[in-house]
Structures are given as C-alpha cells and as structure tokens.
Amino acid sequence: MTDDKQHHRPKRRKRRVCLFGLSADPPTGHGGHLGIVAHLASMEMFDEVRVIPVYRHMFASKRGKQAPFQSRIQMCQLLFKDIPNVIVSEAERICFERVSDGLDEEHTESVRVGTADL
C-alpha cells in the first residue's frame, strides 16, 4: 500500500537570494549602497539580500588601506538593520580562511575569494 500524499506533495520553491558584494569603506547612504540594497530587498524576485563586504580586496594596491573587516561588518549591520530580509554576511572571510588554512604566506597571497567566486 502506498501513501498518495507522499506522491503528491507540493514542491517547495527554492529560496531566491541576491548576493551584493561591496568594499564598504564606508558603506554609503540612500544615493549609494543603502539605496541599492533597499531597492533589491523591495523586489519580489528576491526572498533575501545578502550583503557581503570584501574580506581581502582583490586589488593588492587597496589592501591594508581599508578599515578593519570587523569595523566594515559593523558599519553594514548598522546601515542595513532596518531593511527586512537583509543579512550582512561574513562569507568572504569564512571562505578565505578555509581556503588559506595551512598555506604559507607566499601561497596565501595568491588566494582569491570574492563574491563572484561564491
């Protein structure tokens, strides 16, 4: 005997997530990052917007010139806190640390992790 309900379950729609990567040094207001994220969050095509500040800038000339990563995360959290369905993510830091774990400094320099790679 088979369970008819098991064969006719409605399919769950996949969650639609927009990834928004930025340097965020500092994140800008309504005419910049805040306005873009607010617009993306208002679109019915996305269930969630993930704001992903860069952990280690892909351009070596910009590395070390940005505010510390945790400061940029906090700035983003403050800026986007009132927008529903927006999450500030540390995905780049997490990915970079996983990829570079166990590498020496020379090889770590060649590691590239970015929102386009996630």
PDB file of N, CA and C in Angstrom:
ATOM      1  N   MET A   1       0.835  -1.167   0.000  1.00  0.00           N
ATOM      2  CA  MET A   1       0.000   0.000   0.000  1.00  0.00           C
ATOM      3  C   MET A   1       0.891   1.245   0.000  1.00  0.00           C
ATOM      4  N   THR A   2       0.573   2.195  -0.861  1.00  0.00           N
ATOM      5  CA  THR A   2       1.352   3.426  -0.932  1.00  0.00           C
ATOM      6  C   THR A   2       0.552   4.578  -0.364  1.00  0.00           C
ATOM      7  N   ASP A   3       1.260   5.556   0.092  1.00  0.00           N
ATOM      8  CA  ASP A   3       0.628   6.749   0.638  1.00  0.00           C
ATOM      9  C   ASP A   3       0.501   7.774  -0.485  1.00  0.00           C
ATOM     10  N   ASP A   4      -0.731   8.081  -0.909  1.00  0.00           N
ATOM     11  CA  ASP A   4      -0.954   9.021  -2.007  1.00  0.00           C
ATOM     12  C   ASP A   4      -0.402  10.404  -1.698  1.00  0.00           C
ATOM     13  N   LYS A   5      -0.452  10.813  -0.441  1.00  0.00           N
ATOM     14  CA  LYS A   5       0.064  12.135  -0.068  1.00  0.00           C
ATOM     15  C   LYS A   5       1.562  12.234  -0.337  1.00  0.00           C
ATOM     16  N   GLN A   6       2.254  11.132  -0.153  1.00  0.00           N
ATOM     17  CA  GLN A   6       3.702  11.125  -0.366  1.00  0.00           C
ATOM     18  C   GLN A   6       4.033  11.405  -1.824  1.00  0.00           C
ATOM     19  N   HIS A   7       3.212  10.951  -2.745  1.00  0.00           N
ATOM     20  CA  HIS A   7       3.475  11.117  -4.172  1.00  0.00           C
ATOM     21  C   HIS A   7       2.978  12.457  -4.710  1.00  0.00           C
ATOM     22  N   HIS A   8       2.151  13.153  -3.971  1.00  0.00           N
ATOM     23  CA  HIS A   8       1.564  14.392  -4.477  1.00  0.00           C
ATOM     24  C   HIS A   8       1.887  15.599  -3.594  1.00  0.00           C
ATOM     25  N   ARG A   9       3.029  15.576  -2.966  1.00  0.00           N
ATOM     26  CA  ARG A   9       3.441  16.724  -2.142  1.00  0.00           C
ATOM     27  C   ARG A   9       3.732  17.920  -3.040  1.00  0.00           C
ATOM     28  N   PRO A  10       3.276  19.080  -2.642  1.00  0.00           N
ATOM     29  CA  PRO A  10       3.634  20.261  -3.449  1.00  0.00           C
ATOM     30  C   PRO A  10       5.144  20.525  -3.348  1.00  0.00           C
ATOM     31  N   LYS A  11       5.723  20.926  -4.452  1.00  0.00           N
ATOM     32  CA  LYS A  11       7.155  21.227  -4.463  1.00  0.00           C
ATOM     33  C   LYS A  11       7.391  22.550  -3.753  1.00  0.00           C
ATOM     34  N   ARG A  12       8.432  22.567  -2.921  1.00  0.00           N
ATOM     35  CA  ARG A  12       8.811  23.819  -2.261  1.00  0.00           C
ATOM     36  C   ARG A  12       9.654  24.640  -3.208  1.00  0.00           C
ATOM     37  N   ARG A  13       9.348  25.908  -3.275  1.00  0.00           N
ATOM     38  CA  ARG A  13      10.102  26.817  -4.118  1.00  0.00           C
ATOM     39  C   ARG A  13      11.452  27.077  -3.478  1.00  0.00           C
ATOM     40  N   LYS A  14      12.476  27.093  -4.301  1.00  0.00           N
ATOM     41  CA  LYS A  14      13.812  27.389  -3.792  1.00  0.00           C
ATOM     42  C   LYS A  14      13.877  28.844  -3.366  1.00  0.00           C
ATOM     43  N   ARG A  15      14.636  29.070  -2.323  1.00  0.00           N
ATOM     44  CA  ARG A  15      14.828  30.429  -1.806  1.00  0.00           C
ATOM     45  C   ARG A  15      15.683  31.220  -2.784  1.00  0.00           C
ATOM     46  N   ARG A  16      15.233  32.410  -3.127  1.00  0.00           N
ATOM     47  CA  ARG A  16      15.942  33.258  -4.089  1.00  0.00           C
ATOM     48  C   ARG A  16      16.742  34.317  -3.325  1.00  0.00           C
ATOM     49  N   VAL A  17      18.048  34.194  -3.401  1.00  0.00           N
ATOM     50  CA  VAL A  17      18.939  35.055  -2.623  1.00  0.00           C
ATOM     51  C   VAL A  17      19.777  35.901  -3.567  1.00  0.00           C
ATOM     52  N   CYS A  18      19.797  37.195  -3.318  1.00  0.00           N
ATOM     53  CA  CYS A  18      20.635  38.119  -4.076  1.00  0.00           C
ATOM     54  C   CYS A  18      21.914  38.354  -3.265  1.00  0.00           C
ATOM     55  N   LEU A  19      23.070  38.124  -3.891  1.00  0.00           N
ATOM     56  CA  LEU A  19      24.355  38.412  -3.242  1.00  0.00           C
ATOM     57  C   LEU A  19      24.816  39.787  -3.684  1.00  0.00           C
ATOM     58  N   PHE A  20      25.059  40.660  -2.712  1.00  0.00           N
ATOM     59  CA  PHE A  20      25.506  42.026  -3.007  1.00  0.00           C
ATOM     60  C   PHE A  20      26.860  42.241  -2.346  1.00  0.00           C
ATOM     61  N   GLY A  21      27.912  42.154  -3.135  1.00  0.00           N
ATOM     62  CA  GLY A  21      29.261  42.356  -2.626  1.00  0.00           C
ATOM     63  C   GLY A  21      29.665  43.819  -2.703  1.00  0.00           C
ATOM     64  N   LEU A  22      30.445  44.254  -1.720  1.00  0.00           N
ATOM     65  CA  LEU A  22      30.881  45.644  -1.684  1.00  0.00           C
ATOM     66  C   LEU A  22      32.138  45.784  -0.833  1.00  0.00           C
ATOM     67  N   SER A  23      32.887  46.862  -1.080  1.00  0.00           N
ATOM     68  CA  SER A  23      34.065  47.146  -0.260  1.00  0.00           C
ATOM     69  C   SER A  23      33.636  47.721   1.088  1.00  0.00           C
ATOM     70  N   ALA A  24      32.601  48.561   1.073  1.00  0.00           N
ATOM     71  CA  ALA A  24      32.008  49.127   2.287  1.00  0.00           C
ATOM     72  C   ALA A  24      33.022  49.849   3.160  1.00  0.00           C
ATOM     73  N   ASP A  25      33.662  50.830   2.591  1.00  0.00           N
ATOM     74  CA  ASP A  25      34.665  51.563   3.371  1.00  0.00           C
ATOM     75  C   ASP A  25      34.553  53.070   3.153  1.00  0.00           C
ATOM     76  N   PRO A  26      33.551  53.678   3.701  1.00  0.00           N
ATOM     77  CA  PRO A  26      32.396  53.142   4.423  1.00  0.00           C
ATOM     78  C   PRO A  26      31.261  52.832   3.450  1.00  0.00           C
ATOM     79  N   PRO A  27      30.255  52.073   3.908  1.00  0.00           N
ATOM     80  CA  PRO A  27      29.082  51.895   3.058  1.00  0.00           C
ATOM     81  C   PRO A  27      28.363  53.243   2.951  1.00  0.00           C
ATOM     82  N   THR A  28      27.775  53.501   1.806  1.00  0.00           N
ATOM     83  CA  THR A  28      27.166  54.814   1.546  1.00  0.00           C
ATOM     84  C   THR A  28      25.651  54.766   1.725  1.00  0.00           C
ATOM     85  N   GLY A  29      25.046  55.948   1.817  1.00  0.00           N
ATOM     86  CA  GLY A  29      23.623  56.098   2.134  1.00  0.00           C
ATOM     87  C   GLY A  29      22.678  55.870   0.966  1.00  0.00           C
ATOM     88  N   HIS A  30      21.579  56.626   0.970  1.00  0.00           N
ATOM     89  CA  HIS A  30      20.491  56.412   0.007  1.00  0.00           C
ATOM     90  C   HIS A  30      20.926  56.552  -1.444  1.00  0.00           C
ATOM     91  N   GLY A  31      21.924  57.373  -1.723  1.00  0.00           N
ATOM     92  CA  GLY A  31      22.400  57.532  -3.096  1.00  0.00           C
ATOM     93  C   GLY A  31      23.409  56.468  -3.501  1.00  0.00           C
ATOM     94  N   GLY A  32      23.691  55.534  -2.602  1.00  0.00           N
ATOM     95  CA  GLY A  32      24.694  54.502  -2.877  1.00  0.00           C
ATOM     96  C   GLY A  32      24.256  53.140  -2.386  1.00  0.00           C
ATOM     97  N   HIS A  33      25.083  52.522  -1.527  1.00  0.00           N
ATOM     98  CA  HIS A  33      24.837  51.155  -1.069  1.00  0.00           C
ATOM     99  C   HIS A  33      23.460  50.973  -0.427  1.00  0.00           C
ATOM    100  N   LEU A  34      23.079  51.886   0.457  1.00  0.00           N
ATOM    101  CA  LEU A  34      21.790  51.759   1.145  1.00  0.00           C
ATOM    102  C   LEU A  34      20.639  51.786   0.151  1.00  0.00           C
ATOM    103  N   GLY A  35      20.686  52.699  -0.790  1.00  0.00           N
ATOM    104  CA  GLY A  35      19.628  52.777  -1.799  1.00  0.00           C
ATOM    105  C   GLY A  35      19.550  51.535  -2.661  1.00  0.00           C
ATOM    106  N   ILE A  36      20.698  51.011  -3.053  1.00  0.00           N
ATOM    107  CA  ILE A  36      20.721  49.802  -3.891  1.00  0.00           C
ATOM    108  C   ILE A  36      20.166  48.611  -3.116  1.00  0.00           C
ATOM    109  N   VAL A  37      20.639  48.412  -1.890  1.00  0.00           N
ATOM    110  CA  VAL A  37      20.183  47.271  -1.081  1.00  0.00           C
ATOM    111  C   VAL A  37      18.689  47.393  -0.778  1.00  0.00           C
ATOM    112  N   ALA A  38      18.220  48.593  -0.456  1.00  0.00           N
ATOM    113  CA  ALA A  38      16.790  48.790  -0.185  1.00  0.00           C
ATOM    114  C   ALA A  38      15.968  48.436  -1.427  1.00  0.00           C
ATOM    115  N   HIS A  39      16.446  48.849  -2.587  1.00  0.00           N
ATOM    116  CA  HIS A  39      15.728  48.530  -3.826  1.00  0.00           C
ATOM    117  C   HIS A  39      15.722  47.015  -4.072  1.00  0.00           C
ATOM    118  N   LEU A  40      16.878  46.382  -3.937  1.00  0.00           N
ATOM    119  CA  LEU A  40      16.943  44.929  -4.145  1.00  0.00           C
ATOM    120  C   LEU A  40      16.011  44.198  -3.186  1.00  0.00           C
ATOM    121  N   ALA A  41      15.983  44.630  -1.925  1.00  0.00           N
ATOM    122  CA  ALA A  41      15.142  43.980  -0.916  1.00  0.00           C
ATOM    123  C   ALA A  41      13.653  44.183  -1.201  1.00  0.00           C
ATOM    124  N   SER A  42      13.307  45.255  -1.897  1.00  0.00           N
ATOM    125  CA  SER A  42      11.904  45.523  -2.200  1.00  0.00           C
ATOM    126  C   SER A  42      11.404  44.746  -3.417  1.00  0.00           C
ATOM    127  N   MET A  43      12.326  44.167  -4.169  1.00  0.00           N
ATOM    128  CA  MET A  43      11.947  43.441  -5.380  1.00  0.00           C
ATOM    129  C   MET A  43      11.360  42.076  -5.017  1.00  0.00           C
ATOM    130  N   GLU A  44      10.266  41.731  -5.636  1.00  0.00           N
ATOM    131  CA  GLU A  44       9.618  40.462  -5.347  1.00  0.00           C
ATOM    132  C   GLU A  44      10.412  39.266  -5.860  1.00  0.00           C
ATOM    133  N   MET A  45      11.394  39.509  -6.699  1.00  0.00           N
ATOM    134  CA  MET A  45      12.157  38.388  -7.248  1.00  0.00           C
ATOM    135  C   MET A  45      13.153  37.800  -6.245  1.00  0.00           C
ATOM    136  N   PHE A  46      13.414  38.507  -5.116  1.00  0.00           N
ATOM    137  CA  PHE A  46      14.353  38.011  -4.112  1.00  0.00           C
ATOM    138  C   PHE A  46      13.656  37.806  -2.774  1.00  0.00           C
ATOM    139  N   ASP A  47      13.970  36.681  -2.139  1.00  0.00           N
ATOM    140  CA  ASP A  47      13.469  36.418  -0.787  1.00  0.00           C
ATOM    141  C   ASP A  47      14.396  37.015   0.258  1.00  0.00           C
ATOM    142  N   GLU A  48      15.642  37.201  -0.122  1.00  0.00           N
ATOM    143  CA  GLU A  48      16.668  37.675   0.810  1.00  0.00           C
ATOM    144  C   GLU A  48      17.770  38.371   0.032  1.00  0.00           C
ATOM    145  N   VAL A  49      18.356  39.381   0.646  1.00  0.00           N
ATOM    146  CA  VAL A  49      19.549  40.034   0.092  1.00  0.00           C
ATOM    147  C   VAL A  49      20.665  39.825   1.103  1.00  0.00           C
ATOM    148  N   ARG A  50      21.758  39.261   0.638  1.00  0.00           N
ATOM    149  CA  ARG A  50      22.935  39.085   1.500  1.00  0.00           C
ATOM    150  C   ARG A  50      23.985  40.099   1.100  1.00  0.00           C
ATOM    151  N   VAL A  51      24.305  40.955   2.027  1.00  0.00           N
ATOM    152  CA  VAL A  51      25.343  41.960   1.838  1.00  0.00           C
ATOM    153  C   VAL A  51      26.657  41.307   2.262  1.00  0.00           C
ATOM    154  N   ILE A  52      27.632  41.314   1.343  1.00  0.00           N
ATOM    155  CA  ILE A  52      28.887  40.605   1.605  1.00  0.00           C
ATOM    156  C   ILE A  52      30.065  41.568   1.448  1.00  0.00           C
ATOM    157  N   PRO A  53      30.501  42.178   2.551  1.00  0.00           N
ATOM    158  CA  PRO A  53      31.686  43.041   2.472  1.00  0.00           C
ATOM    159  C   PRO A  53      32.925  42.223   2.106  1.00  0.00           C
ATOM    160  N   VAL A  54      33.784  42.818   1.314  1.00  0.00           N
ATOM    161  CA  VAL A  54      35.014  42.147   0.904  1.00  0.00           C
ATOM    162  C   VAL A  54      35.905  41.934   2.128  1.00  0.00           C
ATOM    163  N   TYR A  55      36.488  40.748   2.221  1.00  0.00           N
ATOM    164  CA  TYR A  55      37.389  40.452   3.336  1.00  0.00           C
ATOM    165  C   TYR A  55      38.805  40.897   3.010  1.00  0.00           C
ATOM    166  N   ARG A  56      39.272  40.480   1.869  1.00  0.00           N
ATOM    167  CA  ARG A  56      40.628  40.820   1.420  1.00  0.00           C
ATOM    168  C   ARG A  56      40.490  41.303  -0.008  1.00  0.00           C
ATOM    169  N   HIS A  57      40.681  42.589  -0.212  1.00  0.00           N
ATOM    170  CA  HIS A  57      40.432  43.186  -1.523  1.00  0.00           C
ATOM    171  C   HIS A  57      41.245  42.477  -2.594  1.00  0.00           C
ATOM    172  N   MET A  58      40.627  42.251  -3.758  1.00  0.00           N
ATOM    173  CA  MET A  58      41.333  41.543  -4.825  1.00  0.00           C
ATOM    174  C   MET A  58      42.463  42.384  -5.423  1.00  0.00           C
ATOM    175  N   PHE A  59      42.406  43.693  -5.268  1.00  0.00           N
ATOM    176  CA  PHE A  59      43.479  44.560  -5.753  1.00  0.00           C
ATOM    177  C   PHE A  59      44.479  44.795  -4.622  1.00  0.00           C
ATOM    178  N   ALA A  60      45.682  44.311  -4.795  1.00  0.00           N
ATOM    179  CA  ALA A  60      46.714  44.427  -3.760  1.00  0.00           C
ATOM    180  C   ALA A  60      46.944  45.878  -3.357  1.00  0.00           C
ATOM    181  N   SER A  61      46.787  46.805  -4.303  1.00  0.00           N
ATOM    182  CA  SER A  61      47.013  48.229  -4.008  1.00  0.00           C
ATOM    183  C   SER A  61      46.012  48.776  -2.991  1.00  0.00           C
ATOM    184  N   LYS A  62      44.877  48.115  -2.811  1.00  0.00           N
ATOM    185  CA  LYS A  62      43.868  48.585  -1.853  1.00  0.00           C
ATOM    186  C   LYS A  62      43.949  47.866  -0.509  1.00  0.00           C
ATOM    187  N   ARG A  63      44.711  46.774  -0.456  1.00  0.00           N
ATOM    188  CA  ARG A  63      44.830  46.020   0.801  1.00  0.00           C
ATOM    189  C   ARG A  63      45.576  46.839   1.845  1.00  0.00           C
ATOM    190  N   GLY A  64      45.100  46.770   3.060  1.00  0.00           N
ATOM    191  CA  GLY A  64      45.744  47.490   4.151  1.00  0.00           C
ATOM    192  C   GLY A  64      45.327  48.950   4.235  1.00  0.00           C
ATOM    193  N   LYS A  65      44.558  49.418   3.257  1.00  0.00           N
ATOM    194  CA  LYS A  65      44.113  50.818   3.257  1.00  0.00           C
ATOM    195  C   LYS A  65      42.666  50.946   3.690  1.00  0.00           C
ATOM    196  N   GLN A  66      42.000  49.813   3.839  1.00  0.00           N
ATOM    197  CA  GLN A  66      40.609  49.829   4.264  1.00  0.00           C
ATOM    198  C   GLN A  66      40.517  49.738   5.780  1.00  0.00           C
ATOM    199  N   ALA A  67      39.368  50.144   6.291  1.00  0.00           N
ATOM    200  CA  ALA A  67      39.093  49.938   7.716  1.00  0.00           C
ATOM    201  C   ALA A  67      39.124  48.435   7.985  1.00  0.00           C
ATOM    202  N   PRO A  68      39.396  48.022   9.211  1.00  0.00           N
ATOM    203  CA  PRO A  68      39.403  46.588   9.531  1.00  0.00           C
ATOM    204  C   PRO A  68      38.073  45.924   9.142  1.00  0.00           C
ATOM    205  N   PHE A  69      38.153  44.661   8.774  1.00  0.00           N
ATOM    206  CA  PHE A  69      36.982  43.917   8.309  1.00  0.00           C
ATOM    207  C   PHE A  69      35.831  43.990   9.312  1.00  0.00           C
ATOM    208  N   GLN A  70      36.092  43.722  10.593  1.00  0.00           N
ATOM    209  CA  GLN A  70      35.010  43.726  11.588  1.00  0.00           C
ATOM    210  C   GLN A  70      34.357  45.102  11.698  1.00  0.00           C
ATOM    211  N   SER A  71      35.122  46.160  11.511  1.00  0.00           N
ATOM    212  CA  SER A  71      34.539  47.509  11.534  1.00  0.00           C
ATOM    213  C   SER A  71      33.603  47.709  10.350  1.00  0.00           C
ATOM    214  N   ARG A  72      34.000  47.210   9.175  1.00  0.00           N
ATOM    215  CA  ARG A  72      33.150  47.340   7.990  1.00  0.00           C
ATOM    216  C   ARG A  72      31.900  46.473   8.115  1.00  0.00           C
ATOM    217  N   ILE A  73      32.032  45.307   8.739  1.00  0.00           N
ATOM    218  CA  ILE A  73      30.854  44.462   9.009  1.00  0.00           C
ATOM    219  C   ILE A  73      29.886  45.230   9.905  1.00  0.00           C
ATOM    220  N   GLN A  74      30.401  45.830  10.975  1.00  0.00           N
ATOM    221  CA  GLN A  74      29.539  46.565  11.906  1.00  0.00           C
ATOM    222  C   GLN A  74      28.889  47.772  11.234  1.00  0.00           C
ATOM    223  N   MET A  75      29.635  48.478  10.378  1.00  0.00           N
ATOM    224  CA  MET A  75      29.047  49.611   9.656  1.00  0.00           C
ATOM    225  C   MET A  75      27.880  49.141   8.791  1.00  0.00           C
ATOM    226  N   CYS A  76      28.066  48.013   8.113  1.00  0.00           N
ATOM    227  CA  CYS A  76      26.999  47.466   7.262  1.00  0.00           C
ATOM    228  C   CYS A  76      25.802  47.029   8.099  1.00  0.00           C
ATOM    229  N   GLN A  77      26.058  46.387   9.227  1.00  0.00           N
ATOM    230  CA  GLN A  77      24.959  45.950  10.091  1.00  0.00           C
ATOM    231  C   GLN A  77      24.132  47.147  10.560  1.00  0.00           C
ATOM    232  N   LEU A  78      24.792  48.223  10.920  1.00  0.00           N
ATOM    233  CA  LEU A  78      24.080  49.436  11.345  1.00  0.00           C
ATOM    234  C   LEU A  78      23.289  50.049  10.192  1.00  0.00           C
ATOM    235  N   LEU A  79      23.891  50.121   9.024  1.00  0.00           N
ATOM    236  CA  LEU A  79      23.259  50.770   7.878  1.00  0.00           C
ATOM    237  C   LEU A  79      22.039  50.006   7.373  1.00  0.00           C
ATOM    238  N   PHE A  80      22.116  48.683   7.356  1.00  0.00           N
ATOM    239  CA  PHE A  80      21.060  47.882   6.736  1.00  0.00           C
ATOM    240  C   PHE A  80      20.090  47.239   7.739  1.00  0.00           C
ATOM    241  N   LYS A  81      20.238  47.539   9.033  1.00  0.00           N
ATOM    242  CA  LYS A  81      19.464  46.849  10.083  1.00  0.00           C
ATOM    243  C   LYS A  81      17.952  47.020   9.954  1.00  0.00           C
ATOM    244  N   ASP A  82      17.489  48.100   9.368  1.00  0.00           N
ATOM    245  CA  ASP A  82      16.048  48.341   9.302  1.00  0.00           C
ATOM    246  C   ASP A  82      15.402  47.864   8.006  1.00  0.00           C
ATOM    247  N   ILE A  83      16.171  47.204   7.167  1.00  0.00           N
ATOM    248  CA  ILE A  83      15.620  46.710   5.903  1.00  0.00           C
ATOM    249  C   ILE A  83      15.286  45.231   6.080  1.00  0.00           C
ATOM    250  N   PRO A  84      14.011  44.877   5.917  1.00  0.00           N
ATOM    251  CA  PRO A  84      13.624  43.467   6.077  1.00  0.00           C
ATOM    252  C   PRO A  84      14.330  42.569   5.055  1.00  0.00           C
ATOM    253  N   ASN A  85      14.615  41.364   5.472  1.00  0.00           N
ATOM    254  CA  ASN A  85      15.193  40.322   4.613  1.00  0.00           C
ATOM    255  C   ASN A  85      16.600  40.635   4.114  1.00  0.00           C
ATOM    256  N   VAL A  86      17.327  41.483   4.852  1.00  0.00           N
ATOM    257  CA  VAL A  86      18.722  41.774   4.510  1.00  0.00           C
ATOM    258  C   VAL A  86      19.609  41.198   5.605  1.00  0.00           C
ATOM    259  N   ILE A  87      20.612  40.452   5.182  1.00  0.00           N
ATOM    260  CA  ILE A  87      21.560  39.833   6.100  1.00  0.00           C
ATOM    261  C   ILE A  87      22.956  40.286   5.706  1.00  0.00           C
ATOM    262  N   VAL A  88      23.737  40.727   6.668  1.00  0.00           N
ATOM    263  CA  VAL A  88      25.147  41.053   6.431  1.00  0.00           C
ATOM    264  C   VAL A  88      25.931  39.783   6.727  1.00  0.00           C
ATOM    265  N   SER A  89      26.691  39.341   5.752  1.00  0.00           N
ATOM    266  CA  SER A  89      27.360  38.039   5.823  1.00  0.00           C
ATOM    267  C   SER A  89      28.883  38.184   5.870  1.00  0.00           C
ATOM    268  N   GLU A  90      29.508  37.286   6.603  1.00  0.00           N
ATOM    269  CA  GLU A  90      30.969  37.208   6.637  1.00  0.00           C
ATOM    270  C   GLU A  90      31.470  36.092   5.731  1.00  0.00           C
ATOM    271  N   ALA A  91      30.723  35.788   4.681  1.00  0.00           N
ATOM    272  CA  ALA A  91      31.049  34.672   3.790  1.00  0.00           C
ATOM    273  C   ALA A  91      32.453  34.777   3.195  1.00  0.00           C
ATOM    274  N   GLU A  92      32.884  35.981   2.816  1.00  0.00           N
ATOM    275  CA  GLU A  92      34.221  36.093   2.225  1.00  0.00           C
ATOM    276  C   GLU A  92      35.312  35.764   3.231  1.00  0.00           C
ATOM    277  N   ARG A  93      35.150  36.217   4.461  1.00  0.00           N
ATOM    278  CA  ARG A  93      36.145  35.888   5.491  1.00  0.00           C
ATOM    279  C   ARG A  93      36.184  34.380   5.724  1.00  0.00           C
ATOM    280  N   ILE A  94      35.029  33.786   5.865  1.00  0.00           N
ATOM    281  CA  ILE A  94      34.942  32.351   6.126  1.00  0.00           C
ATOM    282  C   ILE A  94      35.580  31.560   4.985  1.00  0.00           C
ATOM    283  N   CYS A  95      35.232  31.912   3.747  1.00  0.00           N
ATOM    284  CA  CYS A  95      35.799  31.209   2.586  1.00  0.00           C
ATOM    285  C   CYS A  95      37.308  31.406   2.499  1.00  0.00           C
ATOM    286  N   PHE A  96      37.772  32.633   2.700  1.00  0.00           N
ATOM    287  CA  PHE A  96      39.202  32.908   2.621  1.00  0.00           C
ATOM    288  C   PHE A  96      39.965  32.094   3.666  1.00  0.00           C
ATOM    289  N   GLU A  97      39.453  32.076   4.889  1.00  0.00           N
ATOM    290  CA  GLU A  97      40.136  31.337   5.947  1.00  0.00           C
ATOM    291  C   GLU A  97      40.146  29.839   5.671  1.00  0.00           C
ATOM    292  N   ARG A  98      39.075  29.302   5.124  1.00  0.00           N
ATOM    293  CA  ARG A  98      39.042  27.875   4.781  1.00  0.00           C
ATOM    294  C   ARG A  98      40.039  27.549   3.678  1.00  0.00           C
ATOM    295  N   VAL A  99      40.070  28.392   2.654  1.00  0.00           N
ATOM    296  CA  VAL A  99      40.949  28.138   1.507  1.00  0.00           C
ATOM    297  C   VAL A  99      42.416  28.305   1.885  1.00  0.00           C
ATOM    298  N   SER A 100      42.723  29.297   2.704  1.00  0.00           N
ATOM    299  CA  SER A 100      44.121  29.599   3.015  1.00  0.00           C
ATOM    300  C   SER A 100      44.654  28.839   4.231  1.00  0.00           C
ATOM    301  N   ASP A 101      43.793  28.099   4.910  1.00  0.00           N
ATOM    302  CA  ASP A 101      44.222  27.347   6.084  1.00  0.00           C
ATOM    303  C   ASP A 101      45.365  26.396   5.718  1.00  0.00           C
ATOM    304  N   GLY A 102      46.470  26.527   6.407  1.00  0.00           N
ATOM    305  CA  GLY A 102      47.611  25.650   6.175  1.00  0.00           C
ATOM    306  C   GLY A 102      48.567  26.119   5.086  1.00  0.00           C
ATOM    307  N   LEU A 103      48.226  27.201   4.388  1.00  0.00           N
ATOM    308  CA  LEU A 103      49.123  27.720   3.354  1.00  0.00           C
ATOM    309  C   LEU A 103      50.156  28.649   3.972  1.00  0.00           C
ATOM    310  N   ASP A 104      51.346  28.672   3.389  1.00  0.00           N
ATOM    311  CA  ASP A 104      52.335  29.633   3.851  1.00  0.00           C
ATOM    312  C   ASP A 104      51.977  31.016   3.295  1.00  0.00           C
ATOM    313  N   GLU A 105      52.659  32.046   3.774  1.00  0.00           N
ATOM    314  CA  GLU A 105      52.325  33.422   3.403  1.00  0.00           C
ATOM    315  C   GLU A 105      52.410  33.657   1.895  1.00  0.00           C
ATOM    316  N   GLU A 106      53.413  33.071   1.261  1.00  0.00           N
ATOM    317  CA  GLU A 106      53.583  33.256  -0.190  1.00  0.00           C
ATOM    318  C   GLU A 106      52.365  32.731  -0.958  1.00  0.00           C
ATOM    319  N   HIS A 107      51.895  31.548  -0.585  1.00  0.00           N
ATOM    320  CA  HIS A 107      50.746  30.978  -1.282  1.00  0.00           C
ATOM    321  C   HIS A 107      49.440  31.671  -0.887  1.00  0.00           C
ATOM    322  N   THR A 108      49.364  32.149   0.340  1.00  0.00           N
ATOM    323  CA  THR A 108      48.174  32.873   0.776  1.00  0.00           C
ATOM    324  C   THR A 108      47.987  34.130  -0.061  1.00  0.00           C
ATOM    325  N   GLU A 109      49.071  34.773  -0.464  1.00  0.00           N
ATOM    326  CA  GLU A 109      48.987  35.972  -1.296  1.00  0.00           C
ATOM    327  C   GLU A 109      48.269  35.727  -2.616  1.00  0.00           C
ATOM    328  N   SER A 110      48.332  34.504  -3.117  1.00  0.00           N
ATOM    329  CA  SER A 110      47.704  34.204  -4.411  1.00  0.00           C
ATOM    330  C   SER A 110      46.262  33.748  -4.283  1.00  0.00           C
ATOM    331  N   VAL A 111      45.773  33.590  -3.064  1.00  0.00           N
ATOM    332  CA  VAL A 111      44.388  33.157  -2.851  1.00  0.00           C
ATOM    333  C   VAL A 111      43.457  34.307  -3.208  1.00  0.00           C
ATOM    334  N   ARG A 112      42.460  33.989  -4.013  1.00  0.00           N
ATOM    335  CA  ARG A 112      41.463  34.993  -4.405  1.00  0.00           C
ATOM    336  C   ARG A 112      40.088  34.434  -4.085  1.00  0.00           C
ATOM    337  N   VAL A 113      39.367  35.096  -3.214  1.00  0.00           N
ATOM    338  CA  VAL A 113      37.995  34.735  -2.879  1.00  0.00           C
ATOM    339  C   VAL A 113      37.181  36.006  -3.036  1.00  0.00           C
ATOM    340  N   GLY A 114      36.112  35.921  -3.773  1.00  0.00           N
ATOM    341  CA  GLY A 114      35.249  37.086  -3.974  1.00  0.00           C
ATOM    342  C   GLY A 114      33.818  36.657  -4.183  1.00  0.00           C
ATOM    343  N   THR A 115      32.915  37.611  -4.144  1.00  0.00           N
ATOM    344  CA  THR A 115      31.503  37.281  -4.292  1.00  0.00           C
ATOM    345  C   THR A 115      31.238  36.597  -5.628  1.00  0.00           C
ATOM    346  N   ALA A 116      32.020  36.892  -6.639  1.00  0.00           N
ATOM    347  CA  ALA A 116      31.837  36.211  -7.920  1.00  0.00           C
ATOM    348  C   ALA A 116      32.226  34.745  -7.833  1.00  0.00           C
ATOM    349  N   ASP A 117      33.039  34.401  -6.846  1.00  0.00           N
ATOM    350  CA  ASP A 117      33.516  33.025  -6.684  1.00  0.00           C
ATOM    351  C   ASP A 117      32.649  32.204  -5.734  1.00  0.00           C
ATOM    352  N   LEU A 118      31.729  32.840  -5.027  1.00  0.00           N
ATOM    353  CA  LEU A 118      30.939  32.116  -4.012  1.00  0.00           C
ATOM    354  C   LEU A 118      29.876  31.255  -4.653  1.00  0.00           C
TER     355      LEU A 118
END
